[in-house]
Amino acid sequence: MIRVLIFDDNEDRRDSLALLIESVSDFAVSGALSQANNVIEKVAILKPDVVLMDIDMPGTNGIEATRLIHATFPSLPVIIQTVFDDDDKIFQALKAGAAGYLLKNASSKVILSAIREVLHGGAPMTPAIAQRVLTFFRNEKTVKPDYGLTDRETDVLRLLTQGNSYKMIADQLEITFNTVNSHLKKVYEKLQVHSAGEAIAKSVRDQLF
């Protein structure tokens, strides 16, 4: 059973997400909360497998809550959901450790797929968000650091940054899902990161490709 914890200060939205989660046989709602104050205590009690996080809430906002969760529970994936497609908020969320970033108008199918994907180490993003991530630093001139990535590791990281799932990366590179996972583990080690979101943020910031 995949336990999902929902943070959203909009009651209608929160209830809709809860109903969507509960409609899937192997999903369950571990909690549906209107604010993220004392987020660490709440996560410790409710023990979710995935967190759906609203970015704009009173008190502790979604980015700060994600940062706290990532620092305390680094293996717990957080998917940011927001009506905003602001470049700075996108990048700040990824730097905070978000595993994915979806606009609230994403379809039910996309939301459910994203939950499954993050549990396999993916970084789900709606296409519009993926494009903004890719162009975030296009006008800045920086010296690209050398992290010692192989050509294949670079290919995998590039496709991940473009919003592709592990399966899509495997299909495009004609390799297995497990090989994609193996490459990304090495990428994380070389970049000194612990999540797909952090890897994407670092690759964009450092203009690795």
N, C-alpha and C. Protein backbone atom coordinates (compact mmCIF):
# COMPACT_ATOMS: atom_id res chain seq x y z
N MET A 1 0.83 -1.20 0.00
CA MET A 1 0.00 0.00 0.00
C MET A 1 0.87 1.26 0.00
N ILE A 2 0.59 2.17 -0.90
CA ILE A 2 1.33 3.43 -1.00
C ILE A 2 0.57 4.50 -0.21
N ARG A 3 1.19 4.98 0.85
CA ARG A 3 0.56 5.96 1.74
C ARG A 3 0.95 7.37 1.32
N VAL A 4 -0.04 8.21 1.06
CA VAL A 4 0.19 9.57 0.56
C VAL A 4 -0.29 10.59 1.58
N LEU A 5 0.59 11.52 1.91
CA LEU A 5 0.25 12.62 2.83
C LEU A 5 0.04 13.88 2.01
N ILE A 6 -1.11 14.53 2.19
CA ILE A 6 -1.49 15.71 1.42
C ILE A 6 -1.41 16.96 2.29
N PHE A 7 -0.73 17.99 1.77
CA PHE A 7 -0.74 19.31 2.40
C PHE A 7 -1.35 20.30 1.41
N ASP A 8 -2.47 20.91 1.75
CA ASP A 8 -3.09 21.91 0.88
C ASP A 8 -4.07 22.72 1.72
N ASP A 9 -3.95 24.06 1.67
CA ASP A 9 -4.82 24.89 2.50
C ASP A 9 -6.19 25.13 1.87
N ASN A 10 -6.39 24.65 0.64
CA ASN A 10 -7.69 24.77 -0.01
C ASN A 10 -8.50 23.50 0.29
N GLU A 11 -9.57 23.65 1.03
CA GLU A 11 -10.32 22.47 1.49
C GLU A 11 -10.87 21.66 0.33
N ASP A 12 -11.42 22.32 -0.67
CA ASP A 12 -11.99 21.59 -1.82
C ASP A 12 -10.90 20.81 -2.55
N ARG A 13 -9.77 21.45 -2.76
CA ARG A 13 -8.65 20.80 -3.44
C ARG A 13 -8.13 19.62 -2.61
N ARG A 14 -8.03 19.83 -1.31
CA ARG A 14 -7.54 18.79 -0.41
C ARG A 14 -8.47 17.58 -0.45
N ASP A 15 -9.77 17.84 -0.38
CA ASP A 15 -10.74 16.74 -0.42
C ASP A 15 -10.72 16.02 -1.76
N SER A 16 -10.55 16.77 -2.84
CA SER A 16 -10.50 16.16 -4.18
C SER A 16 -9.30 15.23 -4.32
N LEU A 17 -8.16 15.70 -3.83
CA LEU A 17 -6.96 14.86 -3.88
C LEU A 17 -7.13 13.60 -3.04
N ALA A 18 -7.74 13.75 -1.87
CA ALA A 18 -7.96 12.59 -1.00
C ALA A 18 -8.87 11.56 -1.67
N LEU A 19 -9.93 12.03 -2.31
CA LEU A 19 -10.83 11.13 -3.02
C LEU A 19 -10.12 10.44 -4.18
N LEU A 20 -9.27 11.18 -4.89
CA LEU A 20 -8.51 10.60 -5.99
C LEU A 20 -7.59 9.50 -5.49
N ILE A 21 -6.86 9.79 -4.42
CA ILE A 21 -5.92 8.80 -3.86
C ILE A 21 -6.66 7.55 -3.40
N GLU A 22 -7.76 7.75 -2.70
CA GLU A 22 -8.51 6.61 -2.15
C GLU A 22 -9.21 5.80 -3.23
N SER A 23 -9.33 6.36 -4.44
CA SER A 23 -10.00 5.63 -5.52
C SER A 23 -9.10 4.56 -6.14
N VAL A 24 -7.82 4.56 -5.79
CA VAL A 24 -6.87 3.60 -6.34
C VAL A 24 -6.63 2.50 -5.32
N SER A 25 -6.70 1.26 -5.77
CA SER A 25 -6.72 0.13 -4.83
C SER A 25 -5.46 0.01 -3.98
N ASP A 26 -4.30 0.38 -4.53
CA ASP A 26 -3.07 0.23 -3.75
C ASP A 26 -2.57 1.54 -3.19
N PHE A 27 -3.42 2.57 -3.17
CA PHE A 27 -3.10 3.86 -2.56
C PHE A 27 -3.94 4.06 -1.31
N ALA A 28 -3.42 4.84 -0.37
CA ALA A 28 -4.18 5.22 0.82
C ALA A 28 -3.73 6.61 1.25
N VAL A 29 -4.64 7.38 1.83
CA VAL A 29 -4.31 8.70 2.35
C VAL A 29 -3.87 8.55 3.81
N SER A 30 -2.64 8.91 4.10
CA SER A 30 -2.17 8.83 5.48
C SER A 30 -2.57 10.07 6.26
N GLY A 31 -2.88 11.16 5.54
CA GLY A 31 -3.34 12.39 6.17
C GLY A 31 -3.62 13.44 5.11
N ALA A 32 -4.52 14.37 5.43
CA ALA A 32 -4.83 15.49 4.54
C ALA A 32 -4.90 16.74 5.40
N LEU A 33 -3.87 17.58 5.33
CA LEU A 33 -3.69 18.66 6.28
C LEU A 33 -3.71 20.02 5.59
N SER A 34 -4.18 21.04 6.31
CA SER A 34 -4.34 22.37 5.73
C SER A 34 -3.11 23.25 5.88
N GLN A 35 -2.17 22.84 6.72
CA GLN A 35 -0.95 23.63 6.90
C GLN A 35 0.20 22.72 7.30
N ALA A 36 1.43 23.24 7.11
CA ALA A 36 2.63 22.41 7.30
C ALA A 36 3.44 22.82 8.52
N ASN A 37 2.83 23.58 9.44
CA ASN A 37 3.52 23.88 10.69
C ASN A 37 3.79 22.56 11.43
N ASN A 38 4.94 22.46 12.06
CA ASN A 38 5.34 21.23 12.76
C ASN A 38 5.34 20.03 11.81
N VAL A 39 5.81 20.27 10.58
CA VAL A 39 5.73 19.25 9.53
C VAL A 39 6.51 17.99 9.89
N ILE A 40 7.64 18.12 10.56
CA ILE A 40 8.44 16.94 10.89
C ILE A 40 7.69 16.01 11.83
N GLU A 41 7.06 16.60 12.85
CA GLU A 41 6.28 15.78 13.79
C GLU A 41 5.13 15.08 13.08
N LYS A 42 4.48 15.80 12.15
CA LYS A 42 3.34 15.23 11.44
C LYS A 42 3.77 14.07 10.54
N VAL A 43 4.88 14.25 9.85
CA VAL A 43 5.39 13.17 8.99
C VAL A 43 5.79 11.96 9.82
N ALA A 44 6.42 12.21 10.95
CA ALA A 44 6.85 11.11 11.82
C ALA A 44 5.66 10.30 12.32
N ILE A 45 4.56 10.97 12.59
CA ILE A 45 3.37 10.29 13.10
C ILE A 45 2.61 9.57 11.99
N LEU A 46 2.47 10.23 10.84
CA LEU A 46 1.60 9.71 9.76
C LEU A 46 2.32 8.73 8.83
N LYS A 47 3.65 8.77 8.81
CA LYS A 47 4.47 7.80 8.09
C LYS A 47 4.06 7.60 6.62
N PRO A 48 4.07 8.64 5.82
CA PRO A 48 3.71 8.48 4.41
C PRO A 48 4.86 7.90 3.59
N ASP A 49 4.52 7.41 2.40
CA ASP A 49 5.53 6.98 1.43
C ASP A 49 5.83 8.09 0.43
N VAL A 50 4.85 8.98 0.23
CA VAL A 50 4.98 10.12 -0.69
C VAL A 50 4.22 11.30 -0.09
N VAL A 51 4.73 12.51 -0.30
CA VAL A 51 4.05 13.72 0.16
C VAL A 51 3.65 14.56 -1.05
N LEU A 52 2.39 14.98 -1.10
CA LEU A 52 1.92 15.98 -2.07
C LEU A 52 1.86 17.31 -1.34
N MET A 53 2.66 18.27 -1.78
CA MET A 53 2.85 19.51 -1.02
C MET A 53 2.39 20.73 -1.81
N ASP A 54 1.45 21.47 -1.24
CA ASP A 54 1.05 22.75 -1.80
C ASP A 54 2.18 23.74 -1.53
N ILE A 55 2.52 24.57 -2.52
CA ILE A 55 3.66 25.47 -2.35
C ILE A 55 3.32 26.72 -1.56
N ASP A 56 2.06 27.16 -1.61
CA ASP A 56 1.68 28.44 -1.03
C ASP A 56 0.67 28.23 0.08
N MET A 57 1.17 28.15 1.34
CA MET A 57 0.31 27.95 2.50
C MET A 57 0.68 28.95 3.57
N PRO A 58 -0.26 29.32 4.43
CA PRO A 58 0.07 30.21 5.55
C PRO A 58 0.99 29.49 6.54
N GLY A 59 1.78 30.26 7.27
CA GLY A 59 2.72 29.65 8.19
C GLY A 59 3.91 29.10 7.42
N THR A 60 4.25 27.85 7.64
CA THR A 60 5.35 27.20 6.92
C THR A 60 4.91 26.93 5.49
N ASN A 61 5.57 27.56 4.52
CA ASN A 61 5.17 27.35 3.13
C ASN A 61 5.71 26.03 2.59
N GLY A 62 5.28 25.68 1.39
CA GLY A 62 5.62 24.37 0.84
C GLY A 62 7.10 24.17 0.59
N ILE A 63 7.80 25.22 0.19
CA ILE A 63 9.23 25.10 -0.08
C ILE A 63 10.00 24.85 1.21
N GLU A 64 9.68 25.61 2.25
CA GLU A 64 10.35 25.42 3.54
C GLU A 64 10.01 24.05 4.13
N ALA A 65 8.73 23.64 4.01
CA ALA A 65 8.33 22.33 4.51
C ALA A 65 9.08 21.22 3.78
N THR A 66 9.25 21.38 2.47
CA THR A 66 10.00 20.40 1.68
C THR A 66 11.44 20.34 2.13
N ARG A 67 12.03 21.49 2.40
CA ARG A 67 13.42 21.55 2.87
C ARG A 67 13.57 20.81 4.20
N LEU A 68 12.63 21.02 5.10
CA LEU A 68 12.67 20.36 6.40
C LEU A 68 12.50 18.85 6.27
N ILE A 69 11.55 18.43 5.43
CA ILE A 69 11.33 17.00 5.22
C ILE A 69 12.57 16.36 4.62
N HIS A 70 13.14 17.01 3.61
CA HIS A 70 14.30 16.43 2.92
C HIS A 70 15.50 16.31 3.87
N ALA A 71 15.65 17.27 4.78
CA ALA A 71 16.76 17.22 5.72
C ALA A 71 16.60 16.11 6.75
N THR A 72 15.36 15.85 7.14
CA THR A 72 15.10 14.86 8.20
C THR A 72 14.78 13.48 7.65
N PHE A 73 14.05 13.43 6.52
CA PHE A 73 13.67 12.17 5.89
C PHE A 73 14.12 12.20 4.43
N PRO A 74 15.43 12.12 4.15
CA PRO A 74 15.94 12.32 2.79
C PRO A 74 15.41 11.34 1.75
N SER A 75 14.93 10.19 2.18
CA SER A 75 14.42 9.21 1.22
C SER A 75 12.92 9.36 0.96
N LEU A 76 12.27 10.30 1.64
CA LEU A 76 10.83 10.50 1.46
C LEU A 76 10.60 11.50 0.33
N PRO A 77 10.01 11.07 -0.80
CA PRO A 77 9.82 11.97 -1.93
C PRO A 77 8.67 12.95 -1.71
N VAL A 78 8.91 14.20 -2.09
CA VAL A 78 7.91 15.26 -1.99
C VAL A 78 7.62 15.79 -3.39
N ILE A 79 6.36 15.79 -3.76
CA ILE A 79 5.93 16.37 -5.04
C ILE A 79 5.26 17.71 -4.76
N ILE A 80 5.83 18.78 -5.29
CA ILE A 80 5.25 20.10 -5.14
C ILE A 80 4.09 20.25 -6.12
N GLN A 81 2.98 20.79 -5.62
CA GLN A 81 1.85 21.12 -6.48
C GLN A 81 1.49 22.59 -6.29
N THR A 82 1.30 23.30 -7.38
CA THR A 82 1.06 24.73 -7.29
C THR A 82 0.34 25.26 -8.52
N VAL A 83 -0.28 26.41 -8.37
CA VAL A 83 -0.85 27.10 -9.52
C VAL A 83 0.20 27.98 -10.17
N PHE A 84 1.37 28.13 -9.51
CA PHE A 84 2.41 29.02 -10.02
C PHE A 84 3.35 28.27 -10.96
N ASP A 85 3.76 28.93 -12.05
CA ASP A 85 4.83 28.38 -12.89
C ASP A 85 5.99 29.38 -12.93
N ASP A 86 6.17 30.07 -11.80
CA ASP A 86 7.23 31.05 -11.65
C ASP A 86 8.60 30.36 -11.62
N ASP A 87 9.54 30.86 -12.43
CA ASP A 87 10.85 30.22 -12.55
C ASP A 87 11.56 30.08 -11.21
N ASP A 88 11.56 31.16 -10.42
CA ASP A 88 12.29 31.13 -9.16
C ASP A 88 11.69 30.12 -8.20
N LYS A 89 10.36 30.04 -8.13
CA LYS A 89 9.73 29.08 -7.23
C LYS A 89 10.03 27.64 -7.65
N ILE A 90 10.05 27.40 -8.95
CA ILE A 90 10.38 26.07 -9.45
C ILE A 90 11.77 25.67 -8.99
N PHE A 91 12.73 26.56 -9.21
CA PHE A 91 14.11 26.21 -8.89
C PHE A 91 14.32 26.11 -7.37
N GLN A 92 13.68 27.00 -6.61
CA GLN A 92 13.81 26.94 -5.16
C GLN A 92 13.24 25.63 -4.62
N ALA A 93 12.14 25.16 -5.21
CA ALA A 93 11.54 23.89 -4.78
C ALA A 93 12.48 22.73 -5.06
N LEU A 94 13.11 22.73 -6.23
CA LEU A 94 14.05 21.66 -6.56
C LEU A 94 15.26 21.69 -5.64
N LYS A 95 15.77 22.89 -5.36
CA LYS A 95 16.92 23.01 -4.46
C LYS A 95 16.56 22.56 -3.05
N ALA A 96 15.29 22.73 -2.67
CA ALA A 96 14.84 22.31 -1.35
C ALA A 96 14.74 20.79 -1.24
N GLY A 97 14.81 20.10 -2.38
CA GLY A 97 14.77 18.65 -2.36
C GLY A 97 13.51 18.04 -2.92
N ALA A 98 12.66 18.85 -3.57
CA ALA A 98 11.44 18.30 -4.17
C ALA A 98 11.79 17.25 -5.22
N ALA A 99 11.04 16.16 -5.21
CA ALA A 99 11.28 15.09 -6.17
C ALA A 99 10.53 15.32 -7.47
N GLY A 100 9.54 16.22 -7.44
CA GLY A 100 8.77 16.52 -8.63
C GLY A 100 8.04 17.83 -8.45
N TYR A 101 7.55 18.38 -9.56
CA TYR A 101 6.91 19.70 -9.51
C TYR A 101 5.79 19.69 -10.55
N LEU A 102 4.54 19.72 -10.08
CA LEU A 102 3.39 19.65 -10.98
C LEU A 102 2.49 20.87 -10.79
N LEU A 103 1.94 21.36 -11.87
CA LEU A 103 0.92 22.39 -11.76
C LEU A 103 -0.40 21.75 -11.32
N LYS A 104 -1.20 22.51 -10.60
CA LYS A 104 -2.44 21.97 -10.05
C LYS A 104 -3.47 21.61 -11.11
N ASN A 105 -3.28 22.10 -12.33
CA ASN A 105 -4.21 21.72 -13.40
C ASN A 105 -3.81 20.41 -14.07
N ALA A 106 -2.78 19.75 -13.53
CA ALA A 106 -2.39 18.44 -14.06
C ALA A 106 -3.56 17.47 -13.90
N SER A 107 -3.70 16.56 -14.84
CA SER A 107 -4.80 15.60 -14.81
C SER A 107 -4.62 14.59 -13.68
N SER A 108 -5.71 13.94 -13.33
CA SER A 108 -5.66 12.89 -12.30
C SER A 108 -4.67 11.81 -12.69
N LYS A 109 -4.66 11.45 -13.97
CA LYS A 109 -3.73 10.42 -14.46
C LYS A 109 -2.29 10.84 -14.23
N VAL A 110 -1.97 12.10 -14.51
CA VAL A 110 -0.60 12.60 -14.34
C VAL A 110 -0.21 12.58 -12.86
N ILE A 111 -1.12 12.99 -11.99
CA ILE A 111 -0.83 13.02 -10.56
C ILE A 111 -0.54 11.62 -10.03
N LEU A 112 -1.39 10.65 -10.38
CA LEU A 112 -1.20 9.28 -9.91
C LEU A 112 0.07 8.68 -10.48
N SER A 113 0.35 8.95 -11.74
CA SER A 113 1.58 8.46 -12.36
C SER A 113 2.80 9.06 -11.68
N ALA A 114 2.73 10.34 -11.32
CA ALA A 114 3.85 11.01 -10.65
C ALA A 114 4.14 10.37 -9.31
N ILE A 115 3.10 10.01 -8.57
CA ILE A 115 3.29 9.37 -7.26
C ILE A 115 4.04 8.05 -7.42
N ARG A 116 3.64 7.26 -8.41
CA ARG A 116 4.33 5.99 -8.63
C ARG A 116 5.77 6.23 -9.08
N GLU A 117 5.94 7.23 -9.93
CA GLU A 117 7.26 7.48 -10.52
C GLU A 117 8.29 7.89 -9.47
N VAL A 118 7.90 8.76 -8.53
CA VAL A 118 8.89 9.20 -7.53
C VAL A 118 9.35 8.05 -6.64
N LEU A 119 8.50 7.06 -6.47
CA LEU A 119 8.89 5.91 -5.65
C LEU A 119 9.95 5.06 -6.33
N HIS A 120 10.13 5.25 -7.65
CA HIS A 120 11.18 4.57 -8.40
C HIS A 120 12.36 5.50 -8.67
N GLY A 121 12.38 6.65 -7.98
CA GLY A 121 13.51 7.57 -8.12
C GLY A 121 13.35 8.59 -9.22
N GLY A 122 12.20 8.63 -9.88
CA GLY A 122 11.99 9.58 -10.96
C GLY A 122 11.73 10.99 -10.46
N ALA A 123 11.70 11.94 -11.40
CA ALA A 123 11.46 13.34 -11.07
C ALA A 123 10.35 13.88 -11.98
N PRO A 124 9.09 13.54 -11.69
CA PRO A 124 8.00 13.93 -12.59
C PRO A 124 7.79 15.43 -12.63
N MET A 125 7.65 15.95 -13.84
CA MET A 125 7.33 17.36 -14.04
C MET A 125 6.41 17.46 -15.25
N THR A 126 5.44 18.35 -15.18
CA THR A 126 4.64 18.59 -16.36
C THR A 126 5.54 19.20 -17.44
N PRO A 127 5.23 18.98 -18.72
CA PRO A 127 6.11 19.45 -19.80
C PRO A 127 6.47 20.93 -19.71
N ALA A 128 5.50 21.77 -19.33
CA ALA A 128 5.77 23.21 -19.24
C ALA A 128 6.81 23.50 -18.17
N ILE A 129 6.74 22.77 -17.05
CA ILE A 129 7.71 22.96 -15.98
C ILE A 129 9.09 22.47 -16.42
N ALA A 130 9.14 21.32 -17.07
CA ALA A 130 10.42 20.79 -17.55
C ALA A 130 11.10 21.78 -18.48
N GLN A 131 10.33 22.40 -19.35
CA GLN A 131 10.91 23.38 -20.27
C GLN A 131 11.45 24.59 -19.53
N ARG A 132 10.75 25.04 -18.51
CA ARG A 132 11.23 26.19 -17.74
C ARG A 132 12.52 25.85 -17.00
N VAL A 133 12.60 24.63 -16.49
CA VAL A 133 13.83 24.21 -15.82
C VAL A 133 15.00 24.24 -16.79
N LEU A 134 14.77 23.76 -18.01
CA LEU A 134 15.84 23.70 -19.00
C LEU A 134 16.33 25.08 -19.41
N THR A 135 15.45 26.07 -19.39
CA THR A 135 15.81 27.40 -19.87
C THR A 135 16.11 28.39 -18.74
N PHE A 136 16.07 27.91 -17.50
CA PHE A 136 16.17 28.80 -16.35
C PHE A 136 17.43 29.67 -16.38
N PHE A 137 18.54 29.08 -16.75
CA PHE A 137 19.80 29.80 -16.72
C PHE A 137 20.38 30.04 -18.11
N ARG A 138 19.55 30.03 -19.12
CA ARG A 138 20.07 30.10 -20.48
C ARG A 138 20.84 31.39 -20.77
N ASN A 139 20.56 32.46 -20.05
CA ASN A 139 21.23 33.74 -20.32
C ASN A 139 22.43 34.00 -19.42
N GLU A 140 22.73 33.07 -18.52
CA GLU A 140 23.86 33.26 -17.63
C GLU A 140 25.10 32.56 -18.19
N LYS A 141 26.25 33.19 -17.99
CA LYS A 141 27.52 32.63 -18.44
C LYS A 141 28.26 32.07 -17.24
N THR A 142 28.48 30.78 -17.24
CA THR A 142 29.21 30.16 -16.14
C THR A 142 30.23 29.19 -16.69
N VAL A 143 31.23 28.88 -15.86
CA VAL A 143 32.21 27.86 -16.21
C VAL A 143 31.65 26.52 -15.77
N LYS A 144 31.51 25.60 -16.70
CA LYS A 144 30.93 24.31 -16.37
C LYS A 144 31.91 23.48 -15.55
N PRO A 145 31.52 23.05 -14.36
CA PRO A 145 32.40 22.19 -13.58
C PRO A 145 32.45 20.79 -14.18
N ASP A 146 33.52 20.10 -13.94
CA ASP A 146 33.67 18.74 -14.45
C ASP A 146 33.45 17.75 -13.31
N TYR A 147 32.33 17.05 -13.36
CA TYR A 147 32.02 16.08 -12.33
C TYR A 147 32.44 14.67 -12.73
N GLY A 148 33.07 14.55 -13.87
CA GLY A 148 33.55 13.24 -14.30
C GLY A 148 32.45 12.32 -14.79
N LEU A 149 31.35 12.88 -15.29
CA LEU A 149 30.26 12.05 -15.81
C LEU A 149 30.66 11.43 -17.14
N THR A 150 30.31 10.18 -17.33
CA THR A 150 30.54 9.54 -18.62
C THR A 150 29.51 10.07 -19.63
N ASP A 151 29.73 9.78 -20.90
CA ASP A 151 28.78 10.22 -21.93
C ASP A 151 27.39 9.65 -21.67
N ARG A 152 27.33 8.38 -21.28
CA ARG A 152 26.04 7.75 -21.05
C ARG A 152 25.37 8.33 -19.80
N GLU A 153 26.14 8.59 -18.76
CA GLU A 153 25.57 9.21 -17.55
C GLU A 153 25.02 10.60 -17.87
N THR A 154 25.74 11.33 -18.73
CA THR A 154 25.28 12.66 -19.15
C THR A 154 23.98 12.55 -19.94
N ASP A 155 23.90 11.55 -20.81
CA ASP A 155 22.68 11.34 -21.60
C ASP A 155 21.49 11.06 -20.68
N VAL A 156 21.70 10.21 -19.69
CA VAL A 156 20.62 9.85 -18.76
C VAL A 156 20.19 11.07 -17.96
N LEU A 157 21.16 11.85 -17.47
CA LEU A 157 20.84 13.03 -16.69
C LEU A 157 20.10 14.07 -17.54
N ARG A 158 20.52 14.23 -18.78
CA ARG A 158 19.87 15.19 -19.67
C ARG A 158 18.40 14.82 -19.88
N LEU A 159 18.15 13.54 -20.13
CA LEU A 159 16.77 13.09 -20.35
C LEU A 159 15.93 13.22 -19.09
N LEU A 160 16.54 12.96 -17.93
CA LEU A 160 15.83 13.14 -16.66
C LEU A 160 15.43 14.60 -16.48
N THR A 161 16.35 15.50 -16.80
CA THR A 161 16.09 16.94 -16.65
C THR A 161 15.00 17.41 -17.60
N GLN A 162 14.83 16.71 -18.70
CA GLN A 162 13.79 17.06 -19.67
C GLN A 162 12.42 16.54 -19.25
N GLY A 163 12.35 15.89 -18.08
CA GLY A 163 11.06 15.44 -17.56
C GLY A 163 10.71 14.01 -17.92
N ASN A 164 11.67 13.24 -18.44
CA ASN A 164 11.40 11.85 -18.83
C ASN A 164 11.41 10.93 -17.61
N SER A 165 10.54 9.95 -17.61
CA SER A 165 10.54 8.93 -16.57
C SER A 165 11.68 7.94 -16.83
N TYR A 166 11.95 7.09 -15.84
CA TYR A 166 12.98 6.07 -16.02
C TYR A 166 12.67 5.19 -17.23
N LYS A 167 11.40 4.81 -17.37
CA LYS A 167 11.01 3.94 -18.49
C LYS A 167 11.23 4.64 -19.82
N MET A 168 10.88 5.92 -19.89
CA MET A 168 11.08 6.68 -21.13
C MET A 168 12.57 6.81 -21.47
N ILE A 169 13.38 7.02 -20.43
CA ILE A 169 14.83 7.11 -20.65
C ILE A 169 15.36 5.78 -21.18
N ALA A 170 14.91 4.70 -20.56
CA ALA A 170 15.35 3.36 -20.99
C ALA A 170 14.96 3.12 -22.45
N ASP A 171 13.75 3.49 -22.82
CA ASP A 171 13.29 3.28 -24.20
C ASP A 171 14.11 4.11 -25.18
N GLN A 172 14.37 5.37 -24.84
CA GLN A 172 15.09 6.25 -25.77
C GLN A 172 16.55 5.84 -25.94
N LEU A 173 17.16 5.35 -24.87
CA LEU A 173 18.57 4.96 -24.94
C LEU A 173 18.74 3.47 -25.25
N GLU A 174 17.61 2.76 -25.35
CA GLU A 174 17.62 1.33 -25.64
C GLU A 174 18.44 0.54 -24.62
N ILE A 175 18.17 0.86 -23.35
CA ILE A 175 18.79 0.14 -22.24
C ILE A 175 17.68 -0.28 -21.28
N THR A 176 18.01 -1.05 -20.25
CA THR A 176 16.99 -1.52 -19.33
C THR A 176 16.70 -0.49 -18.24
N PHE A 177 15.55 -0.66 -17.60
CA PHE A 177 15.18 0.19 -16.47
C PHE A 177 16.25 0.13 -15.39
N ASN A 178 16.74 -1.08 -15.09
CA ASN A 178 17.74 -1.25 -14.05
C ASN A 178 19.06 -0.56 -14.41
N THR A 179 19.38 -0.54 -15.71
CA THR A 179 20.60 0.15 -16.14
C THR A 179 20.46 1.66 -15.95
N VAL A 180 19.28 2.20 -16.24
CA VAL A 180 19.02 3.62 -15.98
C VAL A 180 19.21 3.92 -14.51
N ASN A 181 18.64 3.08 -13.67
CA ASN A 181 18.76 3.26 -12.22
C ASN A 181 20.21 3.22 -11.78
N SER A 182 20.99 2.29 -12.34
CA SER A 182 22.40 2.17 -12.01
C SER A 182 23.18 3.42 -12.42
N HIS A 183 22.91 3.92 -13.62
CA HIS A 183 23.59 5.13 -14.09
C HIS A 183 23.28 6.32 -13.18
N LEU A 184 22.01 6.44 -12.79
CA LEU A 184 21.63 7.59 -11.98
C LEU A 184 22.21 7.53 -10.57
N LYS A 185 22.37 6.34 -10.03
CA LYS A 185 23.03 6.20 -8.73
C LYS A 185 24.45 6.75 -8.80
N LYS A 186 25.15 6.45 -9.92
CA LYS A 186 26.51 6.96 -10.09
C LYS A 186 26.51 8.48 -10.30
N VAL A 187 25.49 8.96 -11.03
CA VAL A 187 25.36 10.41 -11.23
C VAL A 187 25.18 11.11 -9.89
N TYR A 188 24.31 10.57 -9.04
CA TYR A 188 24.06 11.19 -7.73
C TYR A 188 25.35 11.23 -6.91
N GLU A 189 26.13 10.15 -6.97
CA GLU A 189 27.39 10.11 -6.22
C GLU A 189 28.36 11.17 -6.72
N LYS A 190 28.46 11.30 -8.03
CA LYS A 190 29.41 12.25 -8.60
C LYS A 190 28.99 13.70 -8.38
N LEU A 191 27.68 13.94 -8.42
CA LEU A 191 27.19 15.30 -8.19
C LEU A 191 27.05 15.61 -6.70
N GLN A 192 27.19 14.59 -5.88
CA GLN A 192 27.02 14.70 -4.42
C GLN A 192 25.62 15.21 -4.07
N VAL A 193 24.62 14.52 -4.63
CA VAL A 193 23.22 14.82 -4.35
C VAL A 193 22.54 13.53 -3.92
N HIS A 194 21.29 13.69 -3.45
CA HIS A 194 20.59 12.51 -2.92
C HIS A 194 19.22 12.28 -3.55
N SER A 195 18.86 13.09 -4.53
CA SER A 195 17.54 12.92 -5.14
C SER A 195 17.58 13.40 -6.58
N ALA A 196 16.56 12.98 -7.34
CA ALA A 196 16.47 13.42 -8.73
C ALA A 196 16.28 14.93 -8.81
N GLY A 197 15.47 15.48 -7.89
CA GLY A 197 15.25 16.92 -7.90
C GLY A 197 16.53 17.70 -7.69
N GLU A 198 17.36 17.25 -6.74
CA GLU A 198 18.64 17.91 -6.49
C GLU A 198 19.56 17.79 -7.70
N ALA A 199 19.56 16.61 -8.34
CA ALA A 199 20.41 16.41 -9.52
C ALA A 199 20.00 17.34 -10.65
N ILE A 200 18.68 17.49 -10.85
CA ILE A 200 18.18 18.38 -11.90
C ILE A 200 18.57 19.82 -11.59
N ALA A 201 18.36 20.24 -10.33
CA ALA A 201 18.68 21.61 -9.95
C ALA A 201 20.18 21.90 -10.16
N LYS A 202 21.01 20.94 -9.79
CA LYS A 202 22.46 21.16 -9.91
C LYS A 202 22.90 21.16 -11.36
N SER A 203 22.32 20.28 -12.17
CA SER A 203 22.71 20.23 -13.58
C SER A 203 22.30 21.49 -14.31
N VAL A 204 21.13 22.05 -13.94
CA VAL A 204 20.68 23.30 -14.56
C VAL A 204 21.53 24.46 -14.08
N ARG A 205 21.76 24.54 -12.77
CA ARG A 205 22.56 25.63 -12.21
C ARG A 205 23.96 25.68 -12.80
N ASP A 206 24.56 24.49 -12.96
CA ASP A 206 25.93 24.41 -13.47
C ASP A 206 26.01 24.28 -14.97
N GLN A 207 24.85 24.30 -15.64
CA GLN A 207 24.79 24.22 -17.10
C GLN A 207 25.65 23.06 -17.62
N LEU A 208 25.33 21.87 -17.14
CA LEU A 208 26.13 20.70 -17.53
C LEU A 208 25.94 20.30 -18.96
N PHE A 209 24.86 20.79 -19.60
CA PHE A 209 24.64 20.48 -21.02
C PHE A 209 23.77 21.56 -21.64
